[in-house]
Protein backbone atom coordinates (compact mmCIF):
# COMPACT_ATOMS: atom_id res chain seq x y z
CA MET A 1 0.00 0.00 0.00
CA THR A 2 1.51 3.33 -1.02
CA THR A 3 1.65 6.33 1.29
CA ASN A 4 -1.03 8.07 -0.77
CA THR A 5 -3.27 5.01 -0.70
CA GLN A 6 -2.96 4.70 3.08
CA ALA A 7 -3.63 8.42 3.51
CA LYS A 8 -6.79 8.08 1.42
CA LEU A 9 -7.90 5.02 3.44
CA ARG A 10 -7.24 6.90 6.69
CA GLN A 11 -9.37 9.79 5.45
CA GLN A 12 -12.23 7.46 4.45
CA LEU A 13 -12.22 5.61 7.76
CA ARG A 14 -12.10 8.82 9.80
CA ALA A 15 -15.05 10.15 7.84
CA ALA A 16 -17.03 6.94 8.39
CA ARG A 17 -16.70 7.07 12.16
CA THR A 18 -17.29 10.82 12.50
CA ASN A 19 -20.48 10.41 10.45
CA LEU A 20 -21.97 8.13 13.10
CA THR A 21 -24.76 9.69 15.17
CA ALA A 22 -24.30 10.46 18.87
CA LYS A 23 -26.53 7.49 19.69
CA GLU A 24 -24.52 5.17 17.44
CA GLN A 25 -21.29 6.38 19.05
CA ARG A 26 -22.69 5.80 22.55
CA LEU A 27 -23.96 2.31 21.74
CA ALA A 28 -20.63 1.41 20.13
CA ALA A 29 -18.69 2.62 23.17
CA ASP A 30 -20.92 0.56 25.47
CA GLY A 31 -20.42 -2.52 23.29
CA VAL A 32 -16.66 -2.08 23.22
CA ALA A 33 -16.55 -1.66 27.00
CA ARG A 34 -18.40 -4.95 27.46
CA GLN A 35 -15.97 -6.77 25.17
CA VAL A 36 -12.93 -5.35 26.93
CA CYS A 37 -14.16 -6.09 30.45
CA ARG A 38 -14.96 -9.72 29.54
CA SER A 39 -11.46 -10.29 28.24
CA ARG A 40 -8.73 -12.12 30.10
CA TYR A 41 -6.36 -9.28 29.29
CA PHE A 42 -8.52 -6.87 31.30
CA ARG A 43 -9.22 -9.26 34.17
CA THR A 44 -5.54 -10.08 34.74
CA SER A 45 -4.21 -6.52 34.40
CA LYS A 46 -3.53 -4.14 37.26
CA ARG A 47 -2.13 -1.13 35.41
CA ILE A 48 -4.20 -0.16 32.38
CA ALA A 49 -3.62 2.73 29.99
CA CYS A 50 -6.61 4.34 28.31
CA TYR A 51 -7.08 7.56 26.28
CA PHE A 52 -9.40 10.50 25.77
CA ALA A 53 -11.42 10.03 22.60
CA ALA A 54 -11.20 12.55 19.75
CA ASP A 55 -12.24 12.68 16.10
CA GLY A 56 -14.91 9.98 16.44
CA GLU A 57 -12.73 7.50 18.33
CA ILE A 58 -14.42 5.05 20.69
CA ALA A 59 -15.20 6.89 23.94
CA THR A 60 -13.60 5.40 27.03
CA ASP A 61 -15.62 6.94 29.89
CA ALA A 62 -17.32 3.64 30.79
CA LEU A 63 -14.02 1.78 30.64
CA VAL A 64 -12.29 4.25 32.94
CA GLU A 65 -15.12 3.90 35.46
CA ARG A 66 -14.84 0.12 35.25
CA ILE A 67 -11.08 0.27 35.80
CA TRP A 68 -11.63 2.27 38.97
CA GLN A 69 -14.52 0.08 40.16
CA THR A 70 -12.40 -3.07 39.89
CA GLY A 71 -9.54 -1.58 41.89
CA LYS A 72 -7.15 -1.29 38.96
CA ALA A 73 -4.92 1.70 38.23
CA CYS A 74 -5.79 3.86 35.22
CA TYR A 75 -3.26 5.83 33.18
CA MET A 76 -3.51 8.22 30.23
CA PRO A 77 -0.88 9.16 27.63
CA ILE A 78 0.72 12.52 28.21
CA LEU A 79 2.72 14.75 25.86
CA THR A 80 3.86 17.38 28.36
CA TYR A 81 7.06 15.50 29.17
CA LEU A 82 7.58 14.14 25.67
CA ILE A 83 11.13 12.89 25.12
CA GLY A 84 12.16 11.60 21.72
CA GLU A 85 8.53 11.76 20.55
CA ARG A 86 7.59 8.94 22.96
CA LEU A 87 4.57 8.92 25.22
CA TRP A 88 4.62 8.66 28.98
CA PHE A 89 1.58 7.64 31.01
CA ALA A 90 0.10 9.62 33.88
CA PRO A 91 -2.14 8.22 36.63
CA VAL A 92 -5.81 9.21 36.52
CA THR A 93 -8.20 9.18 39.50
CA PRO A 94 -11.69 10.60 40.00
CA ASP A 95 -10.01 13.70 41.48
CA SER A 96 -7.58 14.31 38.62
CA LYS A 97 -7.47 17.67 36.86
CA PHE A 98 -6.90 17.96 33.12
CA VAL A 99 -5.50 20.38 30.57
CA ALA A 100 -5.58 20.39 26.77
CA ASN A 101 -2.33 19.45 25.04
CA ARG A 102 -1.03 20.91 21.78
CA PHE A 103 -3.51 18.76 19.80
CA GLY A 104 -6.45 20.00 21.87
CA ILE A 105 -6.82 16.62 23.60
CA LEU A 106 -7.18 16.55 27.37
CA GLU A 107 -4.44 14.99 29.45
CA PRO A 108 -4.06 14.76 33.23
CA LEU A 109 -1.96 17.26 35.11
CA ALA A 110 0.93 15.28 36.55
CA THR A 111 4.45 15.60 37.85
CA SER A 112 7.31 13.89 36.04
CA ARG A 113 7.85 11.67 39.11
CA SER A 114 4.35 10.15 38.77
CA LEU A 115 4.73 9.08 35.13
CA LEU A 116 5.12 5.48 33.97
CA ASP A 117 7.06 4.12 31.04
CA ALA A 118 4.98 1.84 28.82
CA ARG A 119 7.08 -1.13 30.00
CA GLU A 120 5.48 -0.76 33.43
CA LEU A 121 1.91 -1.18 32.12
CA ASP A 122 -0.03 -4.44 31.85
CA LEU A 123 -2.53 -3.41 29.18
CA VAL A 124 -2.66 -0.49 26.75
CA LEU A 125 -6.08 0.31 25.27
CA MET A 126 -5.30 2.14 22.05
CA PRO A 127 -7.28 4.28 19.61
CA LEU A 128 -7.00 3.49 15.93
CA VAL A 129 -8.29 4.57 12.54
CA GLY A 130 -8.28 1.13 10.90
CA PHE A 131 -7.23 -2.46 11.54
CA ASP A 132 -7.04 -5.76 9.69
CA ASN A 133 -7.65 -9.39 10.66
CA THR A 134 -4.07 -10.00 11.77
CA GLY A 135 -3.70 -7.10 14.18
CA ASN A 136 -2.10 -4.49 11.96
CA ARG A 137 -3.26 -0.96 12.75
CA ILE A 138 -3.58 2.40 11.06
CA GLY A 139 -3.24 5.27 13.51
CA MET A 140 -3.66 9.00 13.05
CA GLY A 141 -0.24 9.22 11.42
CA GLY A 142 1.81 10.76 14.22
CA GLY A 143 3.60 7.53 15.10
CA PHE A 144 3.54 8.22 18.86
CA TYR A 145 2.40 4.75 19.87
CA ASP A 146 4.79 2.98 17.48
CA ARG A 147 7.77 4.90 18.84
CA THR A 148 6.64 4.44 22.44
CA LEU A 149 6.12 0.70 22.01
CA ALA A 150 9.12 -0.02 19.77
CA PHE A 151 10.60 -2.23 22.51
CA MET A 152 7.74 -4.68 21.85
CA HIS A 153 9.51 -5.83 18.69
CA HIS A 154 11.73 -7.85 21.05
CA ARG A 155 8.92 -10.20 22.08
CA HIS A 156 11.31 -12.71 23.66
CA ARG A 157 12.10 -10.06 26.27
CA TRP A 158 8.86 -8.09 26.60
CA HIS A 159 5.47 -9.76 27.00
CA ARG A 160 3.88 -6.73 28.63
CA PRO A 161 2.01 -4.64 28.03
CA ARG A 162 -0.65 -6.34 25.99
CA LEU A 163 -1.93 -4.05 23.24
CA MET A 164 -5.66 -3.85 22.53
CA GLY A 165 -7.16 -1.54 19.93
CA LEU A 166 -10.65 -0.10 20.42
CA ALA A 167 -12.69 0.40 17.28
CA HIS A 168 -16.02 0.49 15.54
CA ALA A 169 -16.55 -2.70 13.54
CA LEU A 170 -16.73 -0.56 10.38
CA GLN A 171 -13.04 0.31 10.86
CA GLN A 172 -11.90 -3.20 9.87
CA THR A 173 -10.15 -3.19 6.50
CA ASP A 174 -8.59 -5.51 3.98
CA PRO A 175 -5.06 -6.71 4.86
CA LEU A 176 -2.76 -3.76 5.47
CA SER A 177 0.82 -3.42 4.31
CA THR A 178 3.23 -2.81 7.18
CA ASN A 179 6.43 -0.95 7.90
CA PRO A 180 9.33 -2.26 10.00
CA TRP A 181 8.48 0.19 12.80
CA ASP A 182 4.78 -0.75 13.05
CA VAL A 183 3.85 -2.43 16.34
CA PRO A 184 0.98 -4.92 15.84
CA LEU A 185 -1.88 -5.42 18.27
CA ASP A 186 -2.62 -8.44 20.44
CA ALA A 187 -6.37 -7.84 20.19
CA VAL A 188 -9.07 -5.48 18.95
CA ALA A 189 -12.34 -4.89 20.78
CA THR A 190 -15.17 -3.68 18.57
CA ASP A 191 -18.81 -3.03 19.34
CA ARG A 192 -19.53 -6.55 17.99
CA GLU A 193 -16.67 -8.81 19.09
CA LEU A 194 -13.26 -9.29 20.63
CA LEU A 195 -10.64 -10.32 18.08
CA LEU A 196 -7.54 -12.11 19.37
CA PHE A 197 -4.60 -12.48 17.04
CA ASN A 198 -2.39 -15.54 16.64
CA ARG A 199 0.74 -14.02 18.13
CA HIS A 200 -0.74 -14.23 21.66
CA LYS A 201 -3.70 -16.38 22.62
CA SER A 202 -2.98 -16.56 26.36
């Protein structure tokens, strides 16, 4: 897939999800939350990273509440302390305060001492624009997650965190071409099903 072809596909998929009604978005978010919470990845994780939805992404409010209710720790990606274009993850509690980052997306106010490296997380719930049936993902194009999770290419050393994309079912595509720096997903939760990919079934 050429760069222009992928850019066109990204544009089409973004348009499809932003064209969903508020009710359709809400029902999809509820369906995704059910799929995630039923998964073994969620049940066995203690430190879970989530995100604030933007541009028609699956909303995570219900998932964050569920993380808190089950006594797990919730984290959000933060750009304030960006080093080498990699994300760090800040803890989020019901009392957290938030500020908009340079992309207009909310992130928790946090000190550098409270931040976690991705290696310290058990599960990362990730937004995406598109995905295929083997766990390849199209993001927004910034490459933040791929750079942050580059260590996952050494699977013999790093089995955490598990990576789960959250998506509308309509975001599934034909097989995607990949780049050496792309980090594939372990699973995708849609409003219809939980897809587990062959690389990790446990």
